[in-house]
Protein backbone atom coordinates (compact mmCIF):
# COMPACT_ATOMS: atom_id res chain seq x y z
CA MET A 1 -39.08 41.26 -72.54
CA ILE A 2 -35.87 42.73 -71.12
CA MET A 3 -33.39 43.32 -73.95
CA TYR A 4 -29.68 42.68 -73.57
CA GLU A 5 -26.66 43.88 -75.49
CA MET A 6 -24.83 41.24 -77.50
CA ARG A 7 -21.09 40.85 -76.91
CA GLN A 8 -18.87 42.11 -79.72
CA LYS A 9 -15.27 41.18 -80.50
CA SER A 10 -12.44 43.00 -82.27
CA ARG A 11 -9.53 41.46 -84.16
CA LEU A 12 -6.11 41.97 -82.57
CA THR A 13 -2.60 41.01 -83.73
CA ILE A 14 -0.02 40.31 -81.01
CA THR A 15 3.54 38.98 -80.87
CA LEU A 16 4.58 36.55 -78.11
CA PRO A 17 7.87 34.80 -77.23
CA THR A 18 7.97 31.17 -78.41
CA ASP A 19 8.12 29.71 -74.88
CA LEU A 20 5.08 31.73 -73.80
CA LEU A 21 3.20 30.69 -76.94
CA HIS A 22 3.95 27.06 -76.08
CA GLN A 23 2.35 27.56 -72.67
CA VAL A 24 -0.71 29.10 -74.31
CA ASP A 25 -1.03 26.18 -76.74
CA ASN A 26 -0.83 23.71 -73.87
CA GLN A 27 -4.12 25.15 -72.58
CA VAL A 28 -5.98 24.06 -75.72
CA ASP A 29 -7.91 20.80 -75.30
CA GLY A 30 -10.33 21.20 -78.22
CA LYS A 31 -13.35 21.09 -75.89
CA THR A 32 -13.51 23.67 -73.10
CA ILE A 33 -10.69 25.67 -74.74
CA ARG A 34 -11.18 25.42 -78.48
CA ASN A 35 -8.08 27.04 -80.01
CA ARG A 36 -5.16 29.41 -79.43
CA SER A 37 -7.30 32.54 -79.74
CA HIS A 38 -9.78 31.18 -77.19
CA ALA A 39 -6.93 30.29 -74.81
CA ILE A 40 -5.46 33.81 -74.98
CA GLU A 41 -8.90 35.34 -74.42
CA LEU A 42 -9.48 33.21 -71.33
CA LEU A 43 -6.04 33.94 -69.89
CA VAL A 44 -6.51 37.68 -70.32
CA ARG A 45 -10.06 37.57 -68.97
CA THR A 46 -9.02 35.52 -65.94
CA GLY A 47 -6.21 37.96 -65.20
CA LEU A 48 -8.53 40.95 -65.36
CA GLN A 49 -11.67 39.42 -63.86
CA PRO A 50 -12.21 40.01 -60.14
CA SER A 51 -12.58 36.82 -58.11
CA ILE A 52 -16.05 35.83 -56.93
CA THR A 53 -16.10 36.48 -53.19
CA THR A 54 -19.70 37.54 -52.55
CA ALA A 55 -22.86 35.44 -52.39
CA VAL A 56 -26.53 36.25 -51.99
CA ILE A 57 -28.57 33.60 -50.16
CA LEU A 58 -32.29 33.67 -50.92
CA ALA A 59 -33.52 32.18 -47.67
CA GLY A 60 -36.99 33.66 -47.30
CA GLY A 61 -40.32 33.57 -49.07
CA PRO A 62 -43.77 35.12 -48.69
CA GLU A 63 -45.13 32.31 -46.51
CA ALA A 64 -41.96 31.20 -44.70
CA LYS A 65 -41.74 32.62 -41.20
CA LYS A 66 -41.41 29.82 -38.69
CA ASN A 67 -40.55 26.87 -40.91
CA ILE A 68 -37.81 28.41 -43.00
CA ALA A 69 -36.10 25.63 -44.96
CA GLY A 70 -32.63 26.97 -44.26
CA LEU A 71 -33.03 26.25 -40.55
CA GLN A 72 -33.87 22.57 -40.95
CA ASN A 73 -31.50 20.18 -39.21
CA ILE A 74 -28.79 18.59 -41.34
CA ALA A 75 -26.39 16.34 -39.41
CA GLY A 76 -26.92 18.33 -36.22
CA ARG A 77 -26.79 21.86 -37.60
CA PRO A 78 -28.97 24.19 -39.69
CA LEU A 79 -28.89 23.85 -43.46
CA LEU A 80 -27.71 27.46 -43.76
CA ALA A 81 -24.66 26.58 -41.67
CA VAL A 82 -23.81 23.79 -44.11
CA THR A 83 -24.25 26.23 -47.00
CA LEU A 84 -22.02 28.86 -45.35
CA GLU A 85 -19.30 26.26 -44.79
CA ASN A 86 -19.28 25.35 -48.47
CA LEU A 87 -19.26 29.02 -49.50
CA ARG A 88 -16.27 29.78 -47.30
CA HIS A 89 -14.42 26.69 -48.54
CA HIS A 90 -14.65 28.04 -52.09
CA GLY A 91 -13.48 31.57 -51.36
CA ILE A 92 -16.71 33.41 -50.52
CA ARG A 93 -16.00 36.00 -47.85
CA GLU A 94 -19.15 38.13 -47.83
CA VAL A 95 -22.74 36.88 -47.74
CA LEU A 96 -25.96 38.83 -48.11
CA ILE A 97 -28.94 36.94 -46.68
CA ALA A 98 -32.50 37.72 -47.74
CA ALA A 99 -34.63 35.91 -45.16
CA GLY A 100 -37.91 37.78 -45.58
CA GLN A 101 -40.19 37.48 -42.56
CA ALA A 102 -37.73 35.12 -40.86
CA GLU A 103 -34.88 37.68 -40.77
CA ARG A 104 -34.95 38.14 -36.99
CA GLU A 105 -34.76 34.39 -36.36
CA VAL A 106 -31.94 33.90 -38.87
CA LYS A 107 -30.02 36.89 -37.50
CA GLU A 108 -30.26 35.51 -33.94
CA ILE A 109 -28.58 32.28 -35.05
CA PHE A 110 -26.01 33.53 -37.56
CA GLY A 111 -25.38 37.12 -36.48
CA THR A 112 -22.63 38.86 -38.43
CA GLY A 113 -21.02 35.56 -39.41
CA ASP A 114 -17.95 35.78 -37.16
CA LYS A 115 -18.13 32.15 -36.03
CA PHE A 116 -18.36 31.05 -39.68
CA GLY A 117 -15.43 33.13 -40.89
CA ILE A 118 -17.70 35.07 -43.24
CA GLU A 119 -19.11 38.59 -43.09
CA ILE A 120 -22.92 38.39 -43.11
CA ARG A 121 -25.29 41.23 -43.91
CA TYR A 122 -29.05 41.11 -44.29
CA LEU A 123 -31.35 42.32 -47.06
CA ALA A 124 -34.58 43.50 -45.50
CA GLU A 125 -37.79 43.38 -47.53
CA LYS A 126 -40.67 45.64 -46.52
CA LYS A 127 -42.72 43.70 -49.06
CA PRO A 128 -41.91 40.51 -51.01
CA LEU A 129 -39.69 41.42 -53.98
CA GLY A 130 -39.27 38.04 -55.66
CA THR A 131 -35.90 36.51 -56.49
CA ALA A 132 -34.97 39.17 -59.07
CA GLY A 133 -36.29 42.07 -57.02
CA VAL A 134 -34.13 41.05 -54.07
CA LEU A 135 -31.02 40.97 -56.26
CA LYS A 136 -31.81 44.49 -57.48
CA ARG A 137 -32.04 45.60 -53.87
CA ALA A 138 -28.57 44.14 -53.24
CA GLU A 139 -27.01 45.99 -56.20
CA SER A 140 -25.39 48.82 -54.22
CA LEU A 141 -23.73 46.32 -51.86
CA LEU A 142 -22.11 44.23 -54.60
CA ARG A 143 -19.55 46.83 -55.68
CA GLY A 144 -19.80 45.94 -59.36
CA ASN A 145 -18.34 42.45 -59.03
CA PRO A 146 -19.78 39.12 -60.25
CA PHE A 147 -21.56 37.26 -57.47
CA LEU A 148 -23.04 33.90 -56.56
CA VAL A 149 -26.74 33.34 -55.85
CA VAL A 150 -27.83 30.38 -53.73
CA HIS A 151 -31.37 29.40 -52.77
CA GLY A 152 -31.42 28.68 -49.06
CA ASP A 153 -33.57 25.55 -49.36
CA VAL A 154 -31.07 23.36 -51.24
CA LEU A 155 -28.58 20.89 -49.79
CA THR A 156 -25.66 20.16 -52.10
CA ASP A 157 -21.97 19.32 -52.23
CA ILE A 158 -21.43 21.28 -55.47
CA ASN A 159 -17.86 22.31 -56.23
CA LEU A 160 -18.33 26.08 -56.47
CA SER A 161 -14.76 26.66 -57.65
CA ASP A 162 -15.52 24.62 -60.76
CA LEU A 163 -18.70 26.65 -61.29
CA PHE A 164 -16.78 29.93 -60.97
CA SER A 165 -14.12 28.84 -63.47
CA PHE A 166 -16.80 27.70 -65.91
CA HIS A 167 -18.61 31.04 -65.60
CA LEU A 168 -15.44 33.00 -66.36
CA ARG A 169 -14.79 30.88 -69.44
CA GLU A 170 -18.34 31.22 -70.73
CA ASP A 171 -18.54 34.99 -70.13
CA THR A 172 -22.36 35.15 -70.22
CA LEU A 173 -24.55 37.30 -67.98
CA VAL A 174 -25.69 34.28 -65.97
CA THR A 175 -24.33 30.78 -65.49
CA LEU A 176 -27.00 28.47 -64.13
CA SER A 177 -26.07 25.27 -62.33
CA VAL A 178 -28.38 22.48 -63.55
CA LYS A 179 -28.70 18.81 -62.74
CA PRO A 180 -29.76 16.47 -65.56
CA ARG A 181 -32.73 14.19 -64.79
CA ILE A 182 -32.96 12.32 -68.06
CA SER A 183 -35.50 9.70 -66.96
CA GLU A 184 -37.75 12.05 -64.98
CA LYS A 185 -40.20 14.03 -67.10
CA ASN A 186 -41.81 16.00 -64.25
CA TYR A 187 -38.91 18.47 -64.28
CA GLY A 188 -38.53 21.41 -66.64
CA GLN A 189 -37.34 20.84 -70.18
CA ALA A 190 -34.62 22.93 -71.76
CA PHE A 191 -33.04 23.00 -75.20
CA LEU A 192 -29.24 23.26 -75.08
CA GLN A 193 -26.77 24.24 -77.78
CA GLY A 194 -23.27 23.56 -76.56
CA ASN A 195 -23.00 25.01 -73.06
CA LYS A 196 -25.91 27.42 -73.49
CA ILE A 197 -29.58 27.08 -72.65
CA VAL A 198 -31.26 28.63 -75.68
CA ARG A 199 -34.87 27.93 -74.78
CA PHE A 200 -37.03 26.67 -71.94
CA MET A 201 -39.67 24.39 -73.39
CA GLU A 202 -43.38 24.09 -72.70
CA ARG A 203 -44.82 20.90 -71.24
CA GLY A 204 -45.43 18.32 -73.93
CA GLU A 205 -42.72 19.63 -76.25
CA VAL A 206 -39.99 17.23 -77.35
CA GLY A 207 -36.36 17.78 -78.22
CA GLY A 208 -34.98 19.15 -74.96
CA ILE A 209 -33.50 17.44 -71.91
CA SER A 210 -34.97 17.20 -68.41
CA ILE A 211 -32.96 19.34 -66.02
CA VAL A 212 -33.34 20.67 -62.52
CA ASN A 213 -32.52 24.30 -61.85
CA THR A 214 -30.45 23.75 -58.71
CA GLY A 215 -31.10 27.27 -57.44
CA ILE A 216 -27.40 28.11 -57.73
CA TYR A 217 -26.10 30.58 -60.30
CA VAL A 218 -23.42 33.17 -60.97
CA VAL A 219 -24.49 36.63 -62.12
CA LYS A 220 -22.62 39.43 -63.84
CA PRO A 221 -23.44 42.77 -62.16
CA GLU A 222 -24.33 44.36 -65.52
CA LEU A 223 -27.55 42.37 -65.48
CA LEU A 224 -28.88 44.26 -62.46
CA LYS A 225 -28.71 47.60 -64.27
CA ARG A 226 -31.55 46.41 -66.47
CA PHE A 227 -33.84 45.56 -63.54
CA PRO A 228 -36.57 47.98 -62.43
CA LYS A 229 -36.38 49.22 -58.84
CA SER A 230 -38.82 48.29 -56.06
CA LYS A 231 -40.68 45.77 -58.19
CA SER A 232 -41.47 42.18 -57.34
CA PHE A 233 -40.42 39.83 -60.14
CA SER A 234 -38.80 36.45 -60.62
CA MET A 235 -35.44 35.41 -62.03
CA GLU A 236 -36.81 31.99 -62.93
CA ALA A 237 -40.02 33.10 -64.65
CA GLU A 238 -39.17 36.54 -66.04
CA VAL A 239 -35.41 36.86 -66.49
CA LEU A 240 -33.81 33.50 -67.31
CA PRO A 241 -36.08 32.76 -70.31
CA ASP A 242 -35.15 36.12 -71.89
CA LEU A 243 -31.45 35.48 -71.25
CA ALA A 244 -31.74 32.11 -72.98
CA VAL A 245 -33.17 33.73 -76.11
CA GLU A 246 -30.38 36.31 -76.09
CA GLY A 247 -27.64 33.68 -75.81
CA GLN A 248 -26.64 34.96 -72.38
CA LEU A 249 -27.48 31.92 -70.22
CA SER A 250 -24.86 29.21 -69.75
CA ALA A 251 -25.59 25.80 -68.22
CA PHE A 252 -23.14 24.25 -65.75
CA LEU A 253 -24.06 20.54 -65.64
CA PHE A 254 -23.67 19.26 -62.11
CA GLN A 255 -23.78 15.54 -61.27
CA GLY A 256 -23.12 15.57 -57.51
CA PHE A 257 -25.48 15.49 -54.52
CA TRP A 258 -28.42 17.89 -54.59
CA SER A 259 -31.78 18.03 -52.80
CA ASP A 260 -34.56 20.57 -52.34
CA VAL A 261 -35.47 20.15 -48.66
CA THR A 262 -38.79 22.03 -48.84
CA ASP A 263 -40.52 18.74 -49.65
CA LYS A 264 -40.91 16.52 -46.57
CA LYS A 265 -40.08 13.27 -48.37
CA ALA A 266 -37.11 14.86 -50.12
CA TYR A 267 -35.85 16.19 -46.78
CA GLN A 268 -36.04 12.77 -45.12
CA ALA A 269 -34.22 11.20 -48.07
CA ALA A 270 -31.60 13.97 -48.03
CA ILE A 271 -30.62 13.55 -44.40
CA ARG A 272 -30.21 9.78 -44.98
CA GLN A 273 -28.10 10.21 -48.13
CA TRP A 274 -26.13 13.37 -47.30
CA PRO A 275 -22.43 12.58 -47.83
CA GLY A 276 -21.18 15.73 -46.10
CA LEU A 277 -18.64 18.19 -47.44
């Protein structure tokens, strides 16, 4: 198990002008912003926190060479093009693509990203590194800023700006975008306390809710310092469960359009239902 440091807080007394204090109090809604202290913390954190402008797209896989999901046709263009458009719309300006064995094909289509208004670089893998291993490889290119991770096989109209704001408020190492599937028991079960996933549950256990990991999450760069180098391992199987136990995994509940296009039936349904961006 990878161990993580718990966040500590210190008490601070400050004096503010009455008009400014009024503006602070107006932020409090009792739900997402609980009280005056929470509002001040969020305002300070937002002012100091760098904006999220970099994304890593996990577009490869050990067996995907010719039929990479990110190149499937969605409304006349590749899925990755749709993803890049949504990223740019929400302020992403730099994208690192890990395409595995399909890197040459992806690079021929997307190049350096000029026609998409985004700078694209590629993360080469001499051997499969898994989802967490790839992120470790990207560490030196991220410049210590929080970043978005997107699996290249998902089609979605998620509002990434809302996800970013939620992540900044939560201040956990990872914010995972999840889609509730209450009536469908074939998806993973998770136990939530407030906005945090505290445990992923085994099949047959009761007490959690059925959710889909959408393959979209925001990561604090501090997490990567705890990853071993040049090792193949998985965010989903080896990292996220530990973060849940440590109270460092927030859940952003997303109710919009989402589909994993790796399944043929799901892909056919997706292209019929896709509402566009």
